[in-house]
N, C-alpha and C. Protein backbone atom coordinates (compact mmCIF):
# COMPACT_ATOMS: atom_id res chain seq x y z
N MET A 1 0.85 -1.20 0.00
CA MET A 1 0.00 0.00 0.00
C MET A 1 0.88 1.25 0.00
N PRO A 2 0.67 2.15 -0.95
CA PRO A 2 1.45 3.38 -0.97
C PRO A 2 1.23 4.20 0.29
N ASP A 3 2.18 5.03 0.60
CA ASP A 3 2.15 5.90 1.76
C ASP A 3 0.90 6.78 1.75
N LEU A 4 0.26 6.92 2.91
CA LEU A 4 -0.97 7.72 3.01
C LEU A 4 -0.74 9.15 2.57
N GLN A 5 0.42 9.72 2.90
CA GLN A 5 0.73 11.09 2.49
C GLN A 5 0.62 11.23 0.97
N LYS A 6 1.19 10.27 0.22
CA LYS A 6 1.16 10.34 -1.24
C LYS A 6 -0.26 10.20 -1.77
N ILE A 7 -1.02 9.31 -1.16
CA ILE A 7 -2.42 9.10 -1.58
C ILE A 7 -3.22 10.37 -1.34
N LEU A 8 -3.03 10.98 -0.17
CA LEU A 8 -3.75 12.22 0.14
C LEU A 8 -3.35 13.33 -0.82
N GLN A 9 -2.07 13.47 -1.07
CA GLN A 9 -1.60 14.52 -1.97
C GLN A 9 -2.23 14.35 -3.35
N LYS A 10 -2.26 13.13 -3.84
CA LYS A 10 -2.86 12.87 -5.16
C LYS A 10 -4.36 13.16 -5.15
N ASN A 11 -5.06 12.68 -4.11
CA ASN A 11 -6.51 12.83 -4.06
C ASN A 11 -6.98 14.24 -3.73
N LEU A 12 -6.12 15.05 -3.12
CA LEU A 12 -6.52 16.41 -2.76
C LEU A 12 -6.04 17.45 -3.76
N SER A 13 -5.49 17.00 -4.85
CA SER A 13 -5.02 17.91 -5.89
C SER A 13 -6.19 18.77 -6.38
N GLY A 14 -5.96 20.06 -6.46
CA GLY A 14 -6.99 20.98 -6.94
C GLY A 14 -8.08 21.31 -5.93
N ALA A 15 -7.89 20.92 -4.68
CA ALA A 15 -8.92 21.17 -3.66
C ALA A 15 -9.10 22.67 -3.40
N GLU A 16 -10.35 23.05 -3.25
CA GLU A 16 -10.68 24.42 -2.84
C GLU A 16 -11.28 24.43 -1.44
N ARG A 17 -12.06 23.38 -1.12
CA ARG A 17 -12.64 23.21 0.21
C ARG A 17 -12.62 21.71 0.50
N ILE A 18 -12.15 21.38 1.69
CA ILE A 18 -12.04 19.97 2.08
C ILE A 18 -12.89 19.72 3.32
N ALA A 19 -13.70 18.68 3.26
CA ALA A 19 -14.49 18.24 4.42
C ALA A 19 -13.97 16.87 4.86
N LEU A 20 -13.86 16.69 6.15
CA LEU A 20 -13.51 15.39 6.73
C LEU A 20 -14.74 14.91 7.49
N LEU A 21 -15.21 13.73 7.15
CA LEU A 21 -16.36 13.13 7.84
C LEU A 21 -15.86 11.94 8.65
N ALA A 22 -15.90 12.07 9.97
CA ALA A 22 -15.47 11.01 10.88
C ALA A 22 -16.68 10.18 11.26
N VAL A 23 -16.52 8.86 11.11
CA VAL A 23 -17.62 7.94 11.36
C VAL A 23 -17.18 6.92 12.41
N GLY A 24 -18.11 6.48 13.26
CA GLY A 24 -17.80 5.43 14.22
C GLY A 24 -18.56 5.59 15.51
N SER A 25 -18.28 4.67 16.42
CA SER A 25 -18.94 4.65 17.72
C SER A 25 -17.91 4.52 18.84
N GLU A 26 -17.95 5.43 19.78
CA GLU A 26 -17.06 5.36 20.94
C GLU A 26 -17.42 4.21 21.87
N LEU A 27 -18.58 3.63 21.68
CA LEU A 27 -19.02 2.54 22.54
C LEU A 27 -18.56 1.17 22.07
N ARG A 28 -17.92 1.10 20.89
CA ARG A 28 -17.57 -0.18 20.31
C ARG A 28 -16.09 -0.30 19.98
N GLY A 29 -15.25 -0.06 20.98
CA GLY A 29 -13.82 -0.28 20.84
C GLY A 29 -13.21 0.42 19.64
N ASP A 30 -12.60 -0.36 18.75
CA ASP A 30 -11.88 0.18 17.62
C ASP A 30 -12.76 0.86 16.58
N ASP A 31 -14.07 0.75 16.71
CA ASP A 31 -14.96 1.46 15.80
C ASP A 31 -14.83 2.97 15.98
N ALA A 32 -14.19 3.39 17.05
CA ALA A 32 -13.98 4.81 17.32
C ALA A 32 -12.82 5.39 16.50
N ALA A 33 -12.19 4.62 15.64
CA ALA A 33 -11.01 5.09 14.89
C ALA A 33 -11.24 6.43 14.20
N GLY A 34 -12.32 6.55 13.45
CA GLY A 34 -12.59 7.81 12.74
C GLY A 34 -12.78 8.98 13.69
N LEU A 35 -13.43 8.72 14.80
CA LEU A 35 -13.66 9.78 15.79
C LEU A 35 -12.35 10.20 16.45
N LEU A 36 -11.47 9.23 16.71
CA LEU A 36 -10.15 9.54 17.27
C LEU A 36 -9.34 10.41 16.32
N VAL A 37 -9.37 10.06 15.04
CA VAL A 37 -8.64 10.86 14.04
C VAL A 37 -9.16 12.30 14.06
N ALA A 38 -10.47 12.47 14.04
CA ALA A 38 -11.06 13.82 14.03
C ALA A 38 -10.67 14.59 15.28
N SER A 39 -10.69 13.94 16.43
CA SER A 39 -10.33 14.60 17.68
C SER A 39 -8.86 15.03 17.67
N ARG A 40 -7.99 14.12 17.27
CA ARG A 40 -6.55 14.42 17.23
C ARG A 40 -6.25 15.50 16.19
N LEU A 41 -6.89 15.42 15.04
CA LEU A 41 -6.68 16.42 14.00
C LEU A 41 -7.18 17.79 14.48
N GLY A 42 -8.31 17.80 15.15
CA GLY A 42 -8.83 19.05 15.72
C GLY A 42 -7.84 19.66 16.71
N ASP A 43 -7.24 18.83 17.56
CA ASP A 43 -6.24 19.31 18.52
C ASP A 43 -5.03 19.90 17.81
N ILE A 44 -4.55 19.21 16.78
CA ILE A 44 -3.38 19.70 16.02
C ILE A 44 -3.70 21.04 15.36
N ARG A 45 -4.88 21.13 14.76
CA ARG A 45 -5.23 22.33 14.00
C ARG A 45 -5.60 23.52 14.89
N LYS A 46 -5.87 23.27 16.17
CA LYS A 46 -6.16 24.38 17.09
C LYS A 46 -4.95 25.30 17.22
N ARG A 47 -3.77 24.75 17.01
CA ARG A 47 -2.54 25.53 17.13
C ARG A 47 -2.22 26.32 15.86
N ARG A 48 -3.07 26.21 14.86
CA ARG A 48 -2.84 26.89 13.58
C ARG A 48 -3.98 27.88 13.33
N PRO A 49 -3.72 28.86 12.46
CA PRO A 49 -4.83 29.75 12.08
C PRO A 49 -5.95 28.92 11.45
N ARG A 50 -7.16 29.27 11.75
CA ARG A 50 -8.31 28.54 11.20
C ARG A 50 -8.47 28.81 9.72
N SER A 51 -8.85 27.79 9.02
CA SER A 51 -9.14 27.92 7.60
C SER A 51 -10.63 27.69 7.39
N SER A 52 -11.25 28.61 6.69
CA SER A 52 -12.68 28.44 6.39
C SER A 52 -12.87 27.44 5.25
N ARG A 53 -11.76 26.93 4.72
CA ARG A 53 -11.83 26.01 3.59
C ARG A 53 -11.62 24.55 4.01
N PHE A 54 -11.54 24.31 5.32
CA PHE A 54 -11.43 22.95 5.85
C PHE A 54 -12.37 22.81 7.03
N LYS A 55 -13.14 21.73 7.03
CA LYS A 55 -14.10 21.54 8.13
C LYS A 55 -14.18 20.07 8.48
N ILE A 56 -14.26 19.80 9.80
CA ILE A 56 -14.41 18.44 10.31
C ILE A 56 -15.87 18.24 10.71
N PHE A 57 -16.45 17.14 10.24
CA PHE A 57 -17.82 16.76 10.59
C PHE A 57 -17.75 15.46 11.36
N ILE A 58 -18.41 15.41 12.52
CA ILE A 58 -18.41 14.21 13.37
C ILE A 58 -19.74 13.48 13.13
N GLY A 59 -19.67 12.41 12.33
CA GLY A 59 -20.88 11.70 11.93
C GLY A 59 -21.31 10.60 12.87
N GLU A 60 -20.39 10.14 13.72
CA GLU A 60 -20.65 9.02 14.62
C GLU A 60 -21.32 7.87 13.86
N THR A 61 -22.41 7.31 14.40
CA THR A 61 -23.04 6.14 13.77
C THR A 61 -24.15 6.52 12.78
N ALA A 62 -24.39 7.81 12.62
CA ALA A 62 -25.42 8.26 11.68
C ALA A 62 -24.88 9.42 10.83
N PRO A 63 -23.83 9.16 10.04
CA PRO A 63 -23.23 10.25 9.25
C PRO A 63 -24.21 10.86 8.25
N GLU A 64 -25.23 10.11 7.89
CA GLU A 64 -26.22 10.63 6.95
C GLU A 64 -26.95 11.86 7.51
N ASN A 65 -26.96 12.01 8.84
CA ASN A 65 -27.60 13.18 9.44
C ASN A 65 -26.84 14.48 9.14
N LEU A 66 -25.61 14.36 8.66
CA LEU A 66 -24.80 15.55 8.37
C LEU A 66 -24.77 15.91 6.89
N THR A 67 -25.53 15.20 6.07
CA THR A 67 -25.46 15.49 4.63
C THR A 67 -25.87 16.93 4.32
N GLY A 68 -26.84 17.47 5.03
CA GLY A 68 -27.25 18.86 4.81
C GLY A 68 -26.13 19.84 5.14
N ALA A 69 -25.47 19.64 6.27
CA ALA A 69 -24.36 20.52 6.67
C ALA A 69 -23.18 20.39 5.70
N ILE A 70 -22.92 19.18 5.27
CA ILE A 70 -21.82 18.97 4.31
C ILE A 70 -22.16 19.64 2.98
N ARG A 71 -23.39 19.48 2.55
CA ARG A 71 -23.81 20.12 1.29
C ARG A 71 -23.71 21.64 1.40
N LYS A 72 -24.08 22.19 2.54
CA LYS A 72 -24.00 23.64 2.75
C LYS A 72 -22.54 24.11 2.68
N PHE A 73 -21.61 23.34 3.24
CA PHE A 73 -20.19 23.67 3.18
C PHE A 73 -19.68 23.57 1.73
N ASN A 74 -20.28 22.68 0.96
CA ASN A 74 -20.01 22.51 -0.47
C ASN A 74 -18.53 22.21 -0.76
N PRO A 75 -18.00 21.12 -0.18
CA PRO A 75 -16.59 20.82 -0.41
C PRO A 75 -16.32 20.36 -1.84
N THR A 76 -15.11 20.64 -2.29
CA THR A 76 -14.68 20.09 -3.57
C THR A 76 -14.14 18.68 -3.34
N HIS A 77 -13.73 18.41 -2.09
CA HIS A 77 -13.16 17.12 -1.72
C HIS A 77 -13.71 16.69 -0.35
N LEU A 78 -14.12 15.45 -0.27
CA LEU A 78 -14.64 14.88 0.97
C LEU A 78 -13.80 13.66 1.32
N ILE A 79 -13.32 13.63 2.56
CA ILE A 79 -12.59 12.47 3.08
C ILE A 79 -13.45 11.84 4.17
N VAL A 80 -13.76 10.57 4.00
CA VAL A 80 -14.53 9.82 5.00
C VAL A 80 -13.54 8.89 5.70
N ILE A 81 -13.55 8.90 7.02
CA ILE A 81 -12.64 8.03 7.78
C ILE A 81 -13.45 7.18 8.74
N ASP A 82 -13.17 5.87 8.72
CA ASP A 82 -13.95 4.95 9.53
C ASP A 82 -13.16 3.67 9.78
N SER A 83 -13.54 2.97 10.79
CA SER A 83 -13.03 1.62 11.03
C SER A 83 -13.66 0.73 9.96
N ALA A 84 -12.83 -0.13 9.35
CA ALA A 84 -13.35 -0.97 8.28
C ALA A 84 -12.66 -2.32 8.32
N ASP A 85 -13.45 -3.38 8.39
CA ASP A 85 -12.88 -4.72 8.45
C ASP A 85 -12.67 -5.26 7.05
N ALA A 86 -11.38 -5.27 6.64
CA ALA A 86 -11.02 -5.79 5.33
C ALA A 86 -10.10 -7.00 5.48
N GLY A 87 -10.04 -7.57 6.69
CA GLY A 87 -9.22 -8.74 6.92
C GLY A 87 -7.72 -8.45 6.92
N LYS A 88 -7.35 -7.22 7.18
CA LYS A 88 -5.93 -6.82 7.19
C LYS A 88 -5.37 -6.89 8.62
N LYS A 89 -4.08 -6.61 8.76
CA LYS A 89 -3.43 -6.55 10.07
C LYS A 89 -4.05 -5.40 10.87
N VAL A 90 -4.28 -5.61 12.15
CA VAL A 90 -4.89 -4.60 13.02
C VAL A 90 -4.09 -3.29 12.95
N GLY A 91 -4.82 -2.20 12.78
CA GLY A 91 -4.20 -0.88 12.71
C GLY A 91 -3.76 -0.48 11.32
N THR A 92 -3.93 -1.37 10.34
CA THR A 92 -3.57 -1.03 8.96
C THR A 92 -4.49 0.07 8.46
N VAL A 93 -3.90 1.06 7.81
CA VAL A 93 -4.64 2.18 7.24
C VAL A 93 -4.66 1.96 5.73
N PHE A 94 -5.83 2.07 5.13
CA PHE A 94 -5.94 1.81 3.70
C PHE A 94 -7.01 2.69 3.06
N ALA A 95 -6.75 3.03 1.80
CA ALA A 95 -7.74 3.78 1.03
C ALA A 95 -8.71 2.78 0.43
N ILE A 96 -9.96 3.17 0.40
CA ILE A 96 -11.02 2.32 -0.16
C ILE A 96 -11.64 3.08 -1.32
N ASP A 97 -11.68 2.47 -2.46
CA ASP A 97 -12.33 3.08 -3.61
C ASP A 97 -13.80 3.30 -3.26
N PRO A 98 -14.29 4.55 -3.36
CA PRO A 98 -15.70 4.81 -3.01
C PRO A 98 -16.68 3.92 -3.77
N GLU A 99 -16.27 3.47 -4.96
CA GLU A 99 -17.14 2.58 -5.75
C GLU A 99 -17.24 1.20 -5.11
N ASN A 100 -16.26 0.84 -4.26
CA ASN A 100 -16.22 -0.49 -3.65
C ASN A 100 -16.52 -0.49 -2.16
N VAL A 101 -17.08 0.59 -1.65
CA VAL A 101 -17.37 0.69 -0.22
C VAL A 101 -18.30 -0.43 0.24
N GLY A 102 -19.18 -0.88 -0.61
CA GLY A 102 -20.12 -1.93 -0.25
C GLY A 102 -19.46 -3.27 0.04
N GLY A 103 -18.23 -3.47 -0.44
CA GLY A 103 -17.54 -4.73 -0.25
C GLY A 103 -16.76 -4.82 1.05
N ILE A 104 -16.74 -3.75 1.83
CA ILE A 104 -16.02 -3.70 3.10
C ILE A 104 -17.04 -3.65 4.22
N SER A 105 -16.71 -4.26 5.36
CA SER A 105 -17.65 -4.29 6.48
C SER A 105 -17.54 -3.04 7.35
N PHE A 106 -18.59 -2.22 7.31
CA PHE A 106 -18.75 -1.06 8.20
C PHE A 106 -19.96 -1.40 9.05
N SER A 107 -19.74 -1.85 10.26
CA SER A 107 -20.82 -2.51 10.99
C SER A 107 -21.77 -1.62 11.79
N THR A 108 -21.41 -0.40 12.12
CA THR A 108 -22.26 0.33 13.06
C THR A 108 -23.09 1.44 12.44
N HIS A 109 -23.17 1.51 11.14
CA HIS A 109 -23.92 2.59 10.51
C HIS A 109 -25.40 2.26 10.42
N GLN A 110 -26.21 3.31 10.57
CA GLN A 110 -27.63 3.11 10.43
C GLN A 110 -28.02 2.90 8.97
N LEU A 111 -27.37 3.62 8.06
CA LEU A 111 -27.58 3.48 6.62
C LEU A 111 -26.26 3.03 6.00
N PRO A 112 -26.28 2.28 4.93
CA PRO A 112 -25.01 1.91 4.30
C PRO A 112 -24.23 3.15 3.87
N LEU A 113 -22.94 3.14 4.16
CA LEU A 113 -22.07 4.26 3.82
C LEU A 113 -22.09 4.53 2.32
N SER A 114 -22.22 3.48 1.53
CA SER A 114 -22.22 3.63 0.08
C SER A 114 -23.39 4.51 -0.40
N LEU A 115 -24.55 4.40 0.23
CA LEU A 115 -25.71 5.22 -0.17
C LEU A 115 -25.47 6.68 0.14
N MET A 116 -24.90 6.96 1.31
CA MET A 116 -24.63 8.35 1.69
C MET A 116 -23.60 8.97 0.75
N ILE A 117 -22.54 8.22 0.44
CA ILE A 117 -21.50 8.73 -0.45
C ILE A 117 -22.09 9.00 -1.84
N GLU A 118 -22.88 8.08 -2.33
CA GLU A 118 -23.51 8.26 -3.64
C GLU A 118 -24.39 9.51 -3.66
N TYR A 119 -25.16 9.71 -2.61
CA TYR A 119 -26.03 10.89 -2.52
C TYR A 119 -25.19 12.17 -2.53
N LEU A 120 -24.13 12.21 -1.73
CA LEU A 120 -23.30 13.41 -1.68
C LEU A 120 -22.62 13.68 -3.01
N ARG A 121 -22.12 12.65 -3.65
CA ARG A 121 -21.45 12.84 -4.94
C ARG A 121 -22.41 13.39 -5.99
N GLU A 122 -23.66 12.98 -5.91
CA GLU A 122 -24.64 13.46 -6.89
C GLU A 122 -25.14 14.87 -6.59
N THR A 123 -25.18 15.25 -5.32
CA THR A 123 -25.76 16.55 -4.97
C THR A 123 -24.74 17.68 -4.86
N ILE A 124 -23.47 17.35 -4.64
CA ILE A 124 -22.46 18.42 -4.56
C ILE A 124 -21.29 18.21 -5.50
N THR A 125 -21.30 17.15 -6.25
CA THR A 125 -20.27 16.88 -7.24
C THR A 125 -18.87 17.09 -6.66
N CYS A 126 -18.55 16.33 -5.65
CA CYS A 126 -17.23 16.43 -5.04
C CYS A 126 -16.46 15.12 -5.20
N SER A 127 -15.16 15.24 -5.07
CA SER A 127 -14.30 14.07 -5.08
C SER A 127 -14.39 13.43 -3.69
N VAL A 128 -14.54 12.12 -3.63
CA VAL A 128 -14.67 11.43 -2.35
C VAL A 128 -13.54 10.43 -2.18
N MET A 129 -12.96 10.45 -1.00
CA MET A 129 -11.92 9.49 -0.63
C MET A 129 -12.35 8.85 0.68
N VAL A 130 -12.23 7.53 0.77
CA VAL A 130 -12.57 6.81 2.00
C VAL A 130 -11.30 6.19 2.56
N ILE A 131 -11.04 6.46 3.83
CA ILE A 131 -9.88 5.88 4.52
C ILE A 131 -10.40 4.92 5.58
N GLY A 132 -9.92 3.70 5.54
CA GLY A 132 -10.32 2.69 6.51
C GLY A 132 -9.18 2.37 7.47
N VAL A 133 -9.55 1.97 8.67
CA VAL A 133 -8.58 1.50 9.66
C VAL A 133 -9.05 0.12 10.10
N GLN A 134 -8.17 -0.87 9.97
CA GLN A 134 -8.53 -2.24 10.34
C GLN A 134 -8.67 -2.35 11.86
N PRO A 135 -9.87 -2.74 12.34
CA PRO A 135 -10.09 -2.87 13.78
C PRO A 135 -9.60 -4.21 14.33
N LYS A 136 -9.45 -4.23 15.64
CA LYS A 136 -9.13 -5.46 16.37
C LYS A 136 -10.38 -5.96 17.08
N ASN A 137 -11.04 -5.03 17.77
CA ASN A 137 -12.18 -5.40 18.60
C ASN A 137 -13.28 -4.37 18.45
N LEU A 138 -14.45 -4.82 18.03
CA LEU A 138 -15.61 -3.94 17.89
C LEU A 138 -16.67 -4.24 18.95
N GLY A 139 -16.26 -4.93 20.00
CA GLY A 139 -17.20 -5.31 21.05
C GLY A 139 -17.74 -4.12 21.82
N PHE A 140 -18.97 -4.24 22.27
CA PHE A 140 -19.60 -3.18 23.05
C PHE A 140 -18.80 -2.92 24.31
N ASP A 141 -18.52 -1.66 24.59
CA ASP A 141 -17.80 -1.19 25.77
C ASP A 141 -16.34 -1.67 25.82
N ALA A 142 -15.78 -2.06 24.67
CA ALA A 142 -14.38 -2.47 24.60
C ALA A 142 -13.50 -1.23 24.52
N SER A 143 -12.25 -1.37 24.87
CA SER A 143 -11.28 -0.28 24.75
C SER A 143 -10.75 -0.24 23.33
N VAL A 144 -10.28 0.93 22.93
CA VAL A 144 -9.64 1.06 21.63
C VAL A 144 -8.26 0.43 21.74
N SER A 145 -7.89 -0.40 20.77
CA SER A 145 -6.61 -1.09 20.80
C SER A 145 -5.44 -0.12 20.62
N ARG A 146 -4.31 -0.52 21.10
CA ARG A 146 -3.08 0.27 20.98
C ARG A 146 -2.77 0.53 19.50
N GLU A 147 -2.96 -0.49 18.65
CA GLU A 147 -2.67 -0.38 17.23
C GLU A 147 -3.56 0.66 16.53
N VAL A 148 -4.82 0.68 16.89
CA VAL A 148 -5.74 1.64 16.27
C VAL A 148 -5.48 3.05 16.80
N ARG A 149 -5.12 3.19 18.07
CA ARG A 149 -4.75 4.52 18.59
C ARG A 149 -3.54 5.07 17.85
N ALA A 150 -2.54 4.21 17.64
CA ALA A 150 -1.33 4.64 16.92
C ALA A 150 -1.67 5.02 15.48
N ALA A 151 -2.54 4.24 14.84
CA ALA A 151 -2.96 4.54 13.47
C ALA A 151 -3.68 5.89 13.42
N ALA A 152 -4.53 6.16 14.39
CA ALA A 152 -5.27 7.43 14.43
C ALA A 152 -4.30 8.60 14.54
N ASP A 153 -3.27 8.46 15.35
CA ASP A 153 -2.26 9.52 15.48
C ASP A 153 -1.57 9.78 14.14
N ARG A 154 -1.17 8.70 13.46
CA ARG A 154 -0.47 8.83 12.17
C ARG A 154 -1.39 9.47 11.12
N ILE A 155 -2.62 9.03 11.08
CA ILE A 155 -3.56 9.57 10.09
C ILE A 155 -3.79 11.06 10.34
N ALA A 156 -3.99 11.45 11.60
CA ALA A 156 -4.22 12.86 11.92
C ALA A 156 -3.04 13.72 11.47
N ALA A 157 -1.82 13.26 11.74
CA ALA A 157 -0.63 14.01 11.32
C ALA A 157 -0.54 14.09 9.80
N ASP A 158 -0.81 12.98 9.13
CA ASP A 158 -0.77 12.97 7.66
C ASP A 158 -1.85 13.87 7.07
N LEU A 159 -3.05 13.83 7.64
CA LEU A 159 -4.13 14.68 7.15
C LEU A 159 -3.80 16.15 7.34
N ASP A 160 -3.26 16.50 8.49
CA ASP A 160 -2.90 17.89 8.75
C ASP A 160 -1.90 18.38 7.70
N ALA A 161 -0.86 17.60 7.46
CA ALA A 161 0.15 17.99 6.47
C ALA A 161 -0.46 18.10 5.07
N ALA A 162 -1.31 17.15 4.72
CA ALA A 162 -1.92 17.14 3.39
C ALA A 162 -2.86 18.32 3.19
N VAL A 163 -3.64 18.64 4.21
CA VAL A 163 -4.58 19.77 4.10
C VAL A 163 -3.80 21.08 3.99
N ARG A 164 -2.73 21.22 4.76
CA ARG A 164 -1.92 22.45 4.67
C ARG A 164 -1.30 22.61 3.28
N ARG A 165 -0.86 21.51 2.68
CA ARG A 165 -0.31 21.57 1.32
C ARG A 165 -1.40 21.87 0.29
N ALA A 166 -2.55 21.24 0.44
CA ALA A 166 -3.63 21.37 -0.55
C ALA A 166 -4.31 22.73 -0.48
N LEU A 167 -4.39 23.30 0.72
CA LEU A 167 -5.08 24.57 0.89
C LEU A 167 -4.13 25.63 1.41
N PRO A 168 -3.32 26.20 0.54
CA PRO A 168 -2.42 27.25 1.01
C PRO A 168 -3.23 28.41 1.57
N LYS A 169 -2.56 29.29 2.28
CA LYS A 169 -3.26 30.39 2.97
C LYS A 169 -4.15 31.19 2.04
N LYS A 170 -3.69 31.47 0.84
CA LYS A 170 -4.50 32.23 -0.11
C LYS A 170 -5.18 31.26 -1.08
N PRO A 171 -6.50 31.36 -1.23
CA PRO A 171 -7.18 30.46 -2.17
C PRO A 171 -6.74 30.77 -3.60
N PRO A 172 -6.79 29.74 -4.46
CA PRO A 172 -6.39 29.97 -5.86
C PRO A 172 -7.31 30.97 -6.54
N ALA A 173 -6.76 31.73 -7.48
CA ALA A 173 -7.56 32.70 -8.23
C ALA A 173 -8.51 31.94 -9.16
N ARG A 174 -9.70 32.46 -9.32
CA ARG A 174 -10.68 31.81 -10.20
C ARG A 174 -10.76 32.49 -11.53
């Protein structure tokens, strides 16, 4: 798997506004991966000047409830981050083709993630990237594994660097 930094750089090329949608449940162990990334990324970005061109959305187990807010923000690029069981080594971070989201197990969503992504792509015409983190334990009231915590830290750092590169201080001239 290519380095996440390279994947992000390629996928965020030409970005004008970037939305991050964190999905998961804090009640189900490693399913909190997306939420951990959003929390850590928020902490990192607090130390930087705010950009009106980047926004974090916390979707938890019902990300479809945020489609209106995401549409209002009107991102050119949407990154969805979630725990995803693809049979990989615990803590593995991988990009998932949005067209193949249905083939990966996302267990705690009220609506299939593929339907929400399809709806957003049709209504705001944005580029969508899905990042998965291989969980260890999705049991109710389980702790987040050490491997998934470490992956969340790496993803947050990589996302911060990628967003700063993709969205320089001055927006591109139109």
